[in-house]
Protein backbone atom coordinates (compact mmCIF):
# COMPACT_ATOMS: atom_id res chain seq x y z
CA UNK A 1 28.92 1.03 6.01
CA UNK A 2 25.47 1.42 7.56
CA UNK A 3 22.48 -0.49 6.28
CA UNK A 4 18.75 -0.46 7.03
CA UNK A 5 17.03 -3.75 7.74
CA UNK A 6 13.55 -4.93 8.66
CA UNK A 7 13.51 -7.07 11.78
CA UNK A 8 9.75 -7.35 12.34
CA UNK A 9 6.59 -6.63 10.35
CA UNK A 10 2.98 -7.05 11.42
CA UNK A 11 -0.46 -6.03 10.25
CA UNK A 12 -4.10 -6.26 11.17
CA UNK A 13 -6.53 -8.36 9.23
CA UNK A 14 -8.11 -5.94 6.78
CA UNK A 15 -11.74 -5.11 7.50
CA UNK A 16 -14.59 -3.90 5.34
CA UNK A 17 -14.61 -0.12 5.33
CA UNK A 18 -18.19 0.34 6.40
CA UNK A 19 -20.28 0.22 9.57
CA UNK A 20 -20.47 -3.40 10.64
CA UNK A 21 -17.00 -4.20 9.36
CA UNK A 22 -14.74 -6.13 11.71
CA UNK A 23 -12.61 -3.09 12.58
CA UNK A 24 -15.23 -0.33 12.37
CA UNK A 25 -15.81 -0.15 16.12
CA UNK A 26 -12.16 0.61 16.80
CA UNK A 27 -10.93 4.20 16.70
CA UNK A 28 -8.15 4.49 14.07
CA UNK A 29 -5.69 5.72 16.71
CA UNK A 30 -6.38 2.61 18.79
CA UNK A 31 -6.14 0.42 15.70
CA UNK A 32 -2.65 1.70 15.02
CA UNK A 33 -1.74 1.63 18.72
CA UNK A 34 -2.60 -2.07 18.97
CA UNK A 35 -0.46 -2.74 15.90
CA UNK A 36 2.48 -0.86 17.39
CA UNK A 37 2.08 -2.83 20.62
CA UNK A 38 2.10 -6.10 18.66
CA UNK A 39 5.27 -5.02 16.84
CA UNK A 40 7.07 -4.28 20.10
CA UNK A 41 5.86 -7.46 21.76
CA UNK A 42 6.94 -9.67 18.87
CA UNK A 43 10.37 -8.09 18.63
CA UNK A 44 10.94 -7.75 22.36
CA UNK A 45 12.53 -4.31 22.04
CA UNK A 46 12.26 -1.58 24.62
CA UNK A 47 9.94 0.99 22.95
CA UNK A 48 11.94 3.74 24.64
CA UNK A 49 14.85 2.98 22.29
CA UNK A 50 12.86 3.93 19.19
CA UNK A 51 14.25 7.14 17.70
CA UNK A 52 11.18 7.99 15.63
CA UNK A 53 7.87 6.58 14.42
CA UNK A 54 6.88 7.59 10.89
CA UNK A 55 3.28 6.83 9.95
CA UNK A 56 1.14 7.15 6.87
CA UNK A 57 -2.44 8.42 6.92
CA UNK A 58 -4.24 9.71 3.83
CA UNK A 59 -7.40 11.35 5.16
CA UNK A 60 -5.94 13.43 7.98
CA UNK A 61 -9.18 14.84 9.34
CA UNK A 62 -11.57 14.02 12.18
CA UNK A 63 -10.43 10.95 14.08
CA UNK A 64 -7.29 10.76 11.93
CA UNK A 65 -6.26 14.40 12.40
CA UNK A 66 -3.63 16.15 14.53
CA UNK A 67 -0.67 13.82 13.83
CA UNK A 68 -2.47 10.52 14.43
CA UNK A 69 0.83 8.64 14.53
CA UNK A 70 2.01 10.54 17.61
CA UNK A 71 -1.36 9.99 19.26
CA UNK A 72 -1.12 6.27 18.52
CA UNK A 73 2.40 6.09 19.98
CA UNK A 74 1.08 7.54 23.24
CA UNK A 75 -2.02 5.33 23.14
CA UNK A 76 0.25 2.29 22.70
CA UNK A 77 1.97 3.12 26.00
CA UNK A 78 5.32 4.09 24.50
CA UNK A 79 7.38 6.49 26.62
CA UNK A 80 6.46 10.12 26.05
CA UNK A 81 10.02 10.70 24.83
CA UNK A 82 9.38 8.71 21.61
CA UNK A 83 8.57 11.16 18.77
CA UNK A 84 6.32 10.50 15.80
CA UNK A 85 5.17 12.15 12.60
CA UNK A 86 2.48 11.54 10.00
CA UNK A 87 3.13 11.76 6.25
CA UNK A 88 0.86 11.92 3.23
CA UNK A 89 1.83 10.61 -0.17
CA UNK A 90 -1.73 9.51 -0.79
CA UNK A 91 -2.07 5.74 -1.29
CA UNK A 92 1.69 5.32 -0.86
CA UNK A 93 1.80 7.12 2.48
CA UNK A 94 3.05 4.24 4.60
CA UNK A 95 5.42 3.03 1.89
CA UNK A 96 6.82 6.55 1.98
CA UNK A 97 6.94 6.26 5.78
CA UNK A 98 9.07 3.13 5.35
CA UNK A 99 11.35 4.96 2.91
CA UNK A 100 11.78 7.88 5.32
CA UNK A 101 12.40 5.60 8.30
CA UNK A 102 14.94 3.47 6.41
CA UNK A 103 16.65 6.52 4.94
CA UNK A 104 16.92 7.98 8.45
CA UNK A 105 18.58 4.79 9.63
CA UNK A 106 20.94 4.75 6.64
CA UNK A 107 21.94 8.37 7.23
CA UNK A 108 22.70 7.83 10.91
CA UNK A 109 19.87 10.08 12.06
CA UNK A 110 18.16 7.04 13.59
CA UNK A 111 19.37 3.74 15.01
CA UNK A 112 15.87 2.29 15.48
CA UNK A 113 12.73 3.50 13.70
CA UNK A 114 9.20 2.29 13.12
CA UNK A 115 7.32 2.77 9.86
CA UNK A 116 3.58 2.27 10.00
CA UNK A 117 0.23 3.34 8.64
CA UNK A 118 -3.47 3.28 9.37
CA UNK A 119 -6.74 4.13 7.67
CA UNK A 120 -10.27 3.66 8.97
CA UNK A 121 -12.27 4.36 5.86
CA UNK A 122 -15.48 3.33 7.60
CA UNK A 123 -15.07 6.08 10.19
CA UNK A 124 -13.20 8.70 8.15
CA UNK A 125 -14.55 8.53 4.59
CA UNK A 126 -12.23 9.02 1.65
CA UNK A 127 -12.34 12.64 0.47
CA UNK A 128 -13.70 14.02 3.72
CA UNK A 129 -10.61 16.20 4.22
CA UNK A 130 -11.86 18.48 1.41
CA UNK A 131 -14.28 20.98 2.92
CA UNK A 132 -17.57 21.45 1.06
CA UNK A 133 -17.37 24.30 -1.40
CA UNK A 134 -13.56 24.44 -1.40
CA UNK A 135 -11.06 23.82 -4.20
CA UNK A 136 -7.91 21.96 -3.09
CA UNK A 137 -6.16 22.57 -6.43
CA UNK A 138 -6.34 26.30 -7.11
CA UNK A 139 -6.50 28.43 -10.27
CA UNK A 140 -2.89 28.01 -11.41
CA UNK A 141 -3.23 24.23 -11.69
CA UNK A 142 -6.46 24.80 -13.64
CA UNK A 143 -4.51 27.01 -16.04
CA UNK A 144 -2.02 24.22 -16.67
CA UNK A 145 -4.77 21.60 -17.16
CA UNK A 146 -7.65 23.63 -18.63
CA UNK A 147 -9.71 20.56 -19.54
CA UNK A 148 -9.57 19.45 -15.92
CA UNK A 149 -8.17 16.39 -14.19
CA UNK A 150 -10.34 13.40 -13.32
CA UNK A 151 -10.89 10.92 -10.52
CA UNK A 152 -8.93 7.71 -10.25
CA UNK A 153 -11.73 5.58 -11.66
CA UNK A 154 -11.68 7.51 -14.93
CA UNK A 155 -7.89 7.32 -14.93
CA UNK A 156 -8.14 3.55 -14.59
CA UNK A 157 -10.52 3.51 -17.56
CA UNK A 158 -8.13 5.63 -19.62
CA UNK A 159 -5.31 3.21 -18.79
CA UNK A 160 -7.44 0.25 -19.84
CA UNK A 161 -8.17 1.99 -23.12
CA UNK A 162 -4.58 3.04 -23.85
CA UNK A 163 -3.21 -0.45 -23.14
CA UNK A 164 -6.16 -2.13 -24.90
CA UNK A 165 -7.12 -4.14 -21.83
CA UNK A 166 -10.39 -6.00 -22.12
CA UNK A 167 -13.03 -6.44 -19.44
CA UNK A 168 -12.27 -10.17 -19.45
CA UNK A 169 -8.55 -9.59 -18.82
CA UNK A 170 -9.28 -7.31 -15.89
CA UNK A 171 -11.89 -9.63 -14.41
CA UNK A 172 -9.51 -12.60 -14.76
CA UNK A 173 -6.86 -10.64 -12.89
CA UNK A 174 -9.36 -9.81 -10.13
CA UNK A 175 -10.49 -13.43 -9.92
CA UNK A 176 -6.89 -14.59 -9.56
CA UNK A 177 -6.34 -12.08 -6.75
CA UNK A 178 -9.25 -13.52 -4.76
CA UNK A 179 -8.20 -17.12 -5.41
CA UNK A 180 -4.60 -16.46 -4.36
CA UNK A 181 -5.62 -14.63 -1.20
CA UNK A 182 -8.10 -17.32 -0.22
CA UNK A 183 -5.51 -20.05 -0.84
CA UNK A 184 -2.92 -18.15 1.20
CA UNK A 185 -5.29 -17.87 4.14
CA UNK A 186 -6.22 -21.56 3.91
CA UNK A 187 -2.55 -22.54 3.81
CA UNK A 188 -1.72 -20.42 6.86
CA UNK A 189 0.55 -18.13 4.86
CA UNK A 190 -0.79 -14.99 6.54
CA UNK A 191 -0.65 -16.35 10.07
CA UNK A 192 2.79 -14.96 10.94
CA UNK A 193 2.12 -11.45 9.68
CA UNK A 194 -1.39 -10.84 11.06
CA UNK A 195 -1.24 -9.51 14.59
CA UNK A 196 -4.56 -10.83 15.91
CA UNK A 197 -7.46 -13.14 15.14
CA UNK A 198 -9.54 -12.66 12.03
CA UNK A 199 -9.25 -12.86 8.26
CA UNK A 200 -9.23 -10.20 5.59
CA UNK A 201 -12.93 -9.52 5.17
CA UNK A 202 -13.09 -8.64 1.49
CA UNK A 203 -11.50 -11.84 0.17
CA UNK A 204 -14.22 -13.68 -1.76
CA UNK A 205 -13.27 -17.33 -2.25
CA UNK A 206 -16.70 -18.00 -3.75
CA UNK A 207 -16.54 -15.43 -6.52
CA UNK A 208 -16.52 -16.49 -10.15
CA UNK A 209 -15.84 -15.05 -13.57
CA UNK A 210 -19.58 -15.13 -14.19
CA UNK A 211 -20.26 -13.08 -11.06
CA UNK A 212 -17.56 -10.55 -11.97
CA UNK A 213 -18.87 -10.27 -15.52
CA UNK A 214 -22.30 -9.35 -14.19
CA UNK A 215 -21.14 -6.17 -12.48
CA UNK A 216 -21.92 -2.80 -14.06
CA UNK A 217 -19.28 -0.19 -14.92
CA UNK A 218 -18.57 1.86 -11.81
CA UNK A 219 -17.57 5.24 -13.26
CA UNK A 220 -19.64 5.85 -16.39
CA UNK A 221 -21.25 9.24 -16.84
CA UNK A 222 -22.56 11.02 -19.92
CA UNK A 223 -20.10 13.89 -19.39
CA UNK A 224 -17.09 11.58 -19.19
CA UNK A 225 -18.33 9.52 -22.14
CA UNK A 226 -18.54 12.68 -24.23
CA UNK A 227 -15.06 13.85 -23.21
CA UNK A 228 -13.39 10.45 -23.52
CA UNK A 229 -15.09 8.54 -26.35
CA UNK A 230 -12.22 6.02 -26.36
CA UNK A 231 -13.19 4.62 -22.95
CA UNK A 232 -14.75 1.15 -23.04
CA UNK A 233 -16.23 1.37 -19.52
CA UNK A 234 -14.75 -1.85 -18.20
CA UNK A 235 -13.77 -0.83 -14.66
CA UNK A 236 -16.17 -2.25 -12.07
CA UNK A 237 -16.32 -2.73 -8.33
CA UNK A 238 -15.08 -6.25 -9.01
CA UNK A 239 -11.81 -5.35 -10.74
CA UNK A 240 -11.00 -2.42 -8.43
CA UNK A 241 -9.94 -2.32 -4.80
CA UNK A 242 -12.67 -2.01 -2.14
CA UNK A 243 -13.01 0.41 0.79
CA UNK A 244 -11.25 -0.88 3.91
CA UNK A 245 -9.96 -0.42 7.46
CA UNK A 246 -6.55 -1.60 8.63
CA UNK A 247 -3.10 -0.90 10.03
CA UNK A 248 0.44 -2.25 9.64
CA UNK A 249 3.89 -1.57 11.09
CA UNK A 250 7.56 -2.44 10.50
CA UNK A 251 10.58 -2.24 12.81
CA UNK A 252 13.66 -0.90 11.01
CA UNK A 253 17.23 -0.71 12.31
CA UNK A 254 20.81 -1.50 11.27
CA UNK A 255 22.31 -4.99 11.13
CA UNK A 256 24.78 -4.02 13.85
CA UNK A 257 22.04 -2.73 16.16
CA UNK A 258 19.94 -5.80 15.46
CA UNK A 259 22.79 -8.12 16.44
CA UNK A 260 23.47 -6.10 19.58
CA UNK A 261 19.81 -6.43 20.60
CA UNK A 262 19.54 -10.10 19.65
CA UNK A 263 17.20 -9.39 16.73
CA UNK A 264 17.29 -11.15 13.36
CA UNK A 265 17.63 -8.98 10.25
CA UNK A 266 15.12 -10.33 7.74
CA UNK A 267 15.40 -8.05 4.73
CA UNK A 268 17.48 -5.00 3.87
CA UNK A 269 16.46 -1.91 1.96
CA UNK A 270 18.51 -2.15 -1.21
CA UNK A 271 17.28 0.78 -3.35
CA UNK A 272 14.56 3.44 -3.37
CA UNK A 273 12.79 5.51 -6.00
CA UNK A 274 9.92 7.93 -6.31
CA UNK A 275 8.51 9.14 -9.62
CA UNK A 276 5.92 11.44 -11.10
CA UNK A 277 3.90 11.04 -14.30
CA UNK A 278 0.86 12.42 -16.11
CA UNK A 279 -1.72 13.40 -13.45
CA UNK A 280 -4.57 12.77 -15.85
CA UNK A 281 -3.64 9.11 -16.25
CA UNK A 282 -2.54 9.48 -12.61
CA UNK A 283 -1.76 5.82 -11.88
CA UNK A 284 1.06 5.06 -14.34
CA UNK A 285 4.05 6.41 -12.41
CA UNK A 286 4.71 2.89 -11.12
CA UNK A 287 6.35 2.23 -14.50
CA UNK A 288 9.08 4.91 -14.27
CA UNK A 289 9.40 4.29 -10.52
CA UNK A 290 10.14 0.61 -11.24
CA UNK A 291 12.63 1.54 -13.93
CA UNK A 292 14.39 4.02 -11.61
CA UNK A 293 14.70 1.64 -8.66
CA UNK A 294 16.06 -1.16 -10.88
CA UNK A 295 18.57 1.21 -12.49
CA UNK A 296 19.78 2.36 -9.08
CA UNK A 297 20.12 -1.26 -7.99
CA UNK A 298 21.93 -2.28 -11.15
CA UNK A 299 19.37 -5.03 -11.74
CA UNK A 300 16.88 -6.01 -14.42
CA UNK A 301 13.25 -7.02 -14.03
CA UNK A 302 14.29 -10.67 -14.45
CA UNK A 303 16.51 -10.47 -11.37
CA UNK A 304 13.51 -9.84 -9.10
CA UNK A 305 11.87 -12.90 -7.59
CA UNK A 306 8.65 -11.42 -6.16
CA UNK A 307 6.66 -8.24 -6.70
CA UNK A 308 4.02 -6.44 -4.69
CA UNK A 309 2.19 -3.98 -6.94
CA UNK A 310 -0.79 -2.33 -5.32
CA UNK A 311 -4.01 -3.41 -6.99
CA UNK A 312 -5.83 -0.10 -6.90
CA UNK A 313 -7.34 -1.25 -10.19
CA UNK A 314 -6.63 -4.32 -12.31
CA UNK A 315 -5.84 -2.11 -15.29
CA UNK A 316 -2.99 -0.44 -13.41
CA UNK A 317 -1.12 -3.67 -12.65
CA UNK A 318 -1.75 -5.14 -16.11
CA UNK A 319 -0.42 -2.01 -17.83
CA UNK A 320 2.63 -2.03 -15.52
CA UNK A 321 3.33 -5.68 -16.34
CA UNK A 322 3.01 -4.94 -20.06
CA UNK A 323 5.52 -2.08 -19.86
CA UNK A 324 8.05 -3.71 -17.51
CA UNK A 325 7.87 -7.30 -18.78
CA UNK A 326 7.30 -8.68 -15.29
CA UNK A 327 5.81 -12.16 -15.08
CA UNK A 328 2.37 -11.91 -13.46
CA UNK A 329 2.99 -15.32 -11.87
CA UNK A 330 5.44 -13.53 -9.53
CA UNK A 331 3.20 -10.53 -8.82
CA UNK A 332 1.06 -10.41 -5.66
CA UNK A 333 1.49 -14.13 -5.12
CA UNK A 334 -0.78 -14.05 -2.05
CA UNK A 335 -3.39 -11.88 -3.68
CA UNK A 336 -3.54 -8.12 -3.76
CA UNK A 337 -5.69 -5.18 -2.82
CA UNK A 338 -8.60 -6.20 -5.06
CA UNK A 339 -9.10 -9.12 -2.68
CA UNK A 340 -7.28 -8.24 0.54
CA UNK A 341 -8.35 -4.61 0.51
CA UNK A 342 -6.83 -1.14 0.34
CA UNK A 343 -6.96 0.79 3.65
CA UNK A 344 -5.26 3.80 2.08
CA UNK A 345 -2.70 4.96 4.64
CA UNK A 346 -1.93 1.41 5.77
CA UNK A 347 -1.50 -0.21 2.38
CA UNK A 348 2.19 0.50 1.80
CA UNK A 349 3.15 -1.03 5.14
CA UNK A 350 0.71 -3.89 4.56
CA UNK A 351 2.25 -4.73 1.19
CA UNK A 352 5.74 -4.59 2.65
CA UNK A 353 4.76 -6.83 5.54
CA UNK A 354 3.33 -9.38 3.12
CA UNK A 355 6.35 -9.10 0.83
CA UNK A 356 8.87 -9.75 3.62
CA UNK A 357 7.02 -12.88 4.75
CA UNK A 358 6.48 -14.16 1.20
CA UNK A 359 10.18 -13.68 0.38
CA UNK A 360 11.10 -15.78 3.40
CA UNK A 361 8.58 -18.51 2.66
CA UNK A 362 9.60 -18.75 -1.00
CA UNK A 363 13.35 -18.34 -0.50
CA UNK A 364 13.35 -15.23 -2.70
CA UNK A 365 16.40 -13.00 -2.81
CA UNK A 366 14.90 -9.81 -4.23
CA UNK A 367 11.43 -8.33 -3.82
CA UNK A 368 10.16 -5.16 -5.46
CA UNK A 369 7.22 -3.12 -4.20
CA UNK A 370 5.54 -0.23 -5.99
CA UNK A 371 2.32 1.73 -5.51
CA UNK A 372 0.41 4.19 -7.66
CA UNK A 373 -0.66 7.37 -5.92
CA UNK A 374 -3.02 10.26 -6.59
CA UNK A 375 -1.56 13.18 -8.49
CA UNK A 376 0.49 10.97 -10.81
CA UNK A 377 3.00 9.70 -8.22
CA UNK A 378 4.54 6.36 -7.28
CA UNK A 379 7.03 4.89 -4.84
CA UNK A 380 9.21 1.87 -5.52
CA UNK A 381 11.55 -0.02 -3.24
CA UNK A 382 13.77 -3.06 -3.68
CA UNK A 383 14.24 -5.38 -0.69
CA UNK A 384 16.90 -8.07 -0.38
CA UNK A 385 16.21 -11.04 1.88
CA UNK A 386 18.87 -11.77 4.50
């Protein structure tokens, strides 16, 4: 019976997504190309044996347009015979890339595949793929949702209200994310996964609850306050993920192929799920996605040792933990996107890279990763350490 295993996983340090950030000067294609080169060098494989490269990019316009993954494969010096494609499941794009790559290996369509992702938010701003004056949704969606959908920040506020999450709870979660990430860097826990020199730029070891409490609500407007009087306006720049640049990549094959090539299988893909939910709340599909992947695995939440849940907003992870019963002590143990950053198309591969290394370092058997995505979507995957 075929399996799909991860044999190598690398990422960049995550940079601030603005001019002057550590990765801003690098074209996103080159950023991904360098990451692919590092993956090949660390594993020692012949890049010509790769059957496909599946990459995630969210804002596929400008310097990230025209199948950026294929361009990066060529820029990395891979043989021209190696194909590549770019997928978009919004923030979960490179987690979806990993699902597709692993599912291709499981099916026999691939023997060796790479899943990866990149986003340079400093060079290709979020939302820039929507042309001025255009409507990406169309009239039929407007008929279904006549009151209109909202941006993710308002969705995060609605989640905080529905789950009765206080500003203090969300700020405490954000503070913990920064402290865990800073401690992980100081302890050398990121050294194996980061492909070159530098630290994640948005980790703030010097932040405090007082500093977080002093930040103003990020999404308040009179129009939204009138439409949603239940909102407490507790989402701030401090308890939400920042704007970032980064890339990550994973090498996926079968156990048999790994042994033949002298590679060490590190984790296998156990179960997959993807789910949809209310697009107004938008960010809650991680709950049914988690339930689906556990049901397919025949496991309960208590069987999982470590979790990576993307910290788009603190309210999202706290609501997920409330609904699933997961212990927050086991969630994002090396910090999450609030601290490390959220380079959209790279985040799924970044979380998976961190999860694989954390599972090894903590002798964990099972790790679960899930990400909320625009449009009311979420991916979930269960990994088993080998």
